[in-house]
Structures are given as C-alpha cells and as structure tokens.
Protein backbone atom coordinates (compact mmCIF):
# COMPACT_ATOMS: atom_id res chain seq x y z
CA MET A 1 11.01 5.04 20.53
CA ILE A 2 11.25 2.62 17.56
CA GLY A 3 12.20 -0.38 19.55
CA ARG A 4 14.81 -1.80 22.41
CA LEU A 5 17.62 -3.83 22.28
CA PHE A 6 16.72 -7.59 22.22
CA SER A 7 19.92 -9.19 21.58
CA LEU A 8 23.40 -8.59 19.98
CA VAL A 9 24.17 -11.47 17.64
CA ILE A 10 27.81 -12.51 16.77
CA ASP A 11 28.86 -14.79 14.08
CA CYS A 12 31.76 -17.01 15.17
CA PRO A 13 33.16 -20.33 14.49
CA ASP A 14 32.37 -22.06 17.87
CA PRO A 15 29.44 -20.51 19.79
CA SER A 16 30.14 -22.42 22.85
CA GLU A 17 33.75 -21.43 23.05
CA LEU A 18 33.11 -17.68 22.27
CA ALA A 19 30.14 -17.79 24.78
CA THR A 20 32.58 -18.73 27.59
CA PHE A 21 34.64 -15.79 27.11
CA TYR A 22 31.76 -13.23 27.15
CA GLU A 23 30.04 -15.12 30.24
CA SER A 24 33.15 -14.35 32.26
CA LEU A 25 33.81 -10.86 30.74
CA LEU A 26 29.83 -9.65 30.97
CA SER A 27 28.83 -11.91 33.93
CA LEU A 28 25.85 -13.09 32.11
CA PRO A 29 24.54 -16.60 32.53
CA ARG A 30 24.31 -19.01 29.57
CA ALA A 31 20.72 -19.62 29.32
CA GLU A 32 20.28 -21.70 25.89
CA GLU A 33 22.54 -23.59 23.89
CA SER A 34 22.69 -25.84 20.87
CA PRO A 35 25.62 -27.05 18.54
CA GLU A 36 24.63 -23.83 16.39
CA TYR A 37 23.91 -21.25 18.98
CA VAL A 38 24.39 -20.15 22.50
CA VAL A 39 22.22 -17.39 23.98
CA LEU A 40 23.32 -15.37 27.28
CA LYS A 41 20.56 -13.62 29.29
CA SER A 42 20.54 -11.26 31.96
CA THR A 43 19.47 -12.16 35.70
CA THR A 44 15.98 -10.89 34.63
CA GLY A 45 15.85 -13.32 31.80
CA THR A 46 16.09 -10.84 28.97
CA GLU A 47 18.11 -12.15 26.01
CA ILE A 48 21.29 -10.07 25.83
CA VAL A 49 23.87 -11.70 23.54
CA MET A 50 23.56 -14.53 21.10
CA PHE A 51 26.49 -16.32 19.40
CA GLN A 52 25.84 -18.28 16.10
CA ARG A 53 27.99 -20.58 14.18
CA VAL A 54 28.99 -19.48 10.93
CA ALA A 55 30.73 -21.59 8.24
CA ASP A 56 33.98 -20.03 6.85
CA PHE A 57 34.10 -17.46 9.39
CA ARG A 58 36.37 -14.59 8.31
CA PRO A 59 37.62 -12.79 11.61
CA PRO A 60 37.44 -8.83 11.29
CA GLN A 61 41.05 -7.06 11.27
CA TRP A 62 40.76 -3.83 13.16
CA PRO A 63 40.74 -1.15 11.67
CA ASP A 64 41.24 -2.51 8.22
CA PRO A 65 38.07 -1.43 6.39
CA ALA A 66 38.31 -4.56 4.12
CA ARG A 67 37.71 -6.62 7.01
CA PRO A 68 35.29 -4.50 9.27
CA GLN A 69 34.27 -5.02 12.74
CA GLN A 70 31.22 -6.93 12.26
CA MET A 71 30.40 -5.78 15.90
CA HIS A 72 31.55 -3.84 18.78
CA VAL A 73 30.90 -3.87 22.53
CA ASP A 74 31.95 -1.37 24.90
CA VAL A 75 32.30 -2.69 28.33
CA LEU A 76 32.50 0.01 31.31
CA VAL A 77 35.22 -0.87 34.10
CA ASP A 78 36.47 1.06 36.97
CA ASP A 79 39.92 0.11 36.65
CA LEU A 80 41.59 -0.35 33.06
CA ASP A 81 44.70 -2.06 34.29
CA GLU A 82 42.89 -4.85 36.52
CA ALA A 83 40.16 -5.21 33.69
CA GLU A 84 43.04 -5.83 31.36
CA ALA A 85 44.58 -8.51 33.23
CA LYS A 86 41.38 -10.49 33.42
CA VAL A 87 40.30 -10.23 29.68
CA LEU A 88 43.93 -11.11 28.86
CA SER A 89 43.59 -14.28 30.78
CA LEU A 90 40.26 -15.14 29.32
CA GLY A 91 42.02 -14.95 25.85
CA ALA A 92 41.72 -11.46 24.63
CA THR A 93 44.28 -9.65 22.78
CA LEU A 94 45.39 -5.88 23.32
CA LEU A 95 44.77 -3.91 20.06
CA ASP A 96 45.30 -0.30 20.94
CA GLY A 97 44.57 2.26 23.63
CA SER A 98 45.91 4.28 26.42
CA ASP A 99 48.60 3.30 28.84
CA LYS A 100 46.79 5.51 31.55
CA PRO A 101 44.44 3.93 33.98
CA ILE A 102 41.67 5.90 32.59
CA GLY A 103 40.32 6.09 29.14
CA TYR A 104 39.77 3.11 26.96
CA ARG A 105 41.41 0.10 25.30
CA VAL A 106 40.83 -2.02 22.24
CA TYR A 107 41.11 -5.54 22.63
CA ALA A 108 39.98 -8.65 20.20
CA ASP A 109 38.19 -11.58 21.72
CA PRO A 110 39.48 -14.97 21.10
CA VAL A 111 37.92 -15.06 17.48
CA GLY A 112 39.00 -11.51 16.55
CA HIS A 113 35.92 -9.44 17.20
CA PRO A 114 37.08 -5.99 18.77
CA PHE A 115 35.76 -4.77 21.97
CA CYS A 116 36.63 -1.85 24.19
CA LEU A 117 37.13 -1.51 27.88
CA VAL A 118 36.24 2.20 28.96
CA THR A 119 36.14 3.98 32.05
CA PRO A 120 33.61 6.12 33.64
CA GLU A 121 35.84 9.26 32.82
CA ALA A 122 36.16 8.30 29.21
CA VAL A 123 32.47 7.96 28.89
CA ALA A 124 31.89 11.27 30.58
CA SER A 125 34.31 13.04 28.25
CA SER A 126 32.58 11.61 25.24
CA SER A 127 29.21 12.83 26.07
C-alpha cells in the first residue's frame, strides 16, 4: 500500500453552498468552515471531503473532454428511484443513466460536478 485516502478536494465557487448539498447526500457532518473552505468528516473524525473556493470556476460539461469532470463520486444506494428523488430535491440534475430501478444514473451536483448513484447490483456486475 502506498497510502490511503485522506480527503477528496473539490473546487467550487461557494464552498458552504456545495458542502450543504454533500452533507445531505453523504450524511457527513460539517467539521471545519471558513470563507475559503469547508471540511466534512466521518463520525470517527476522519476528513472525507473538502470544498475549496476557486476564483473563475468553470464547471465541467459531462462527457465533453474539453471540460473534464474534475472529480467524480460514486454513491452506493439501494433504490435508484428513491435516491434520485432525494438528490433532485437537493439541487442535482440528471445527466444520463438507466430508467430501471437497478444499475446507475449520472447526475450533476449544483455547480456541475458529475456524480453517480449506483446500486449494489451494478457494483457486483462491474467487479
């Protein structure tokens, strides 16, 4: 092993606003905050995700290689339809994916970063 994940740092125009979205999506509490960054940590205190303010932020355009993803998160869910309703209510936008209740769907967070909702069946079939 070379190392282990310490945190995922996500560039964005407003760290507090984007952190609010991911707090609800991932059930991670806000642990540190300043005007320039917000950190979400696990209940054990391990830093998981940090959002940092970037001037002149250009959101990605999935799947356009001229404006790449910049980051990508897969979120494991039991029911795509139920999870979709929740992420859409938080401000996500559906980009692509299966209309079936299993598999995956690709979304954009409120500032355009792509993320996927995946079911255990989709994870098992990709292994």
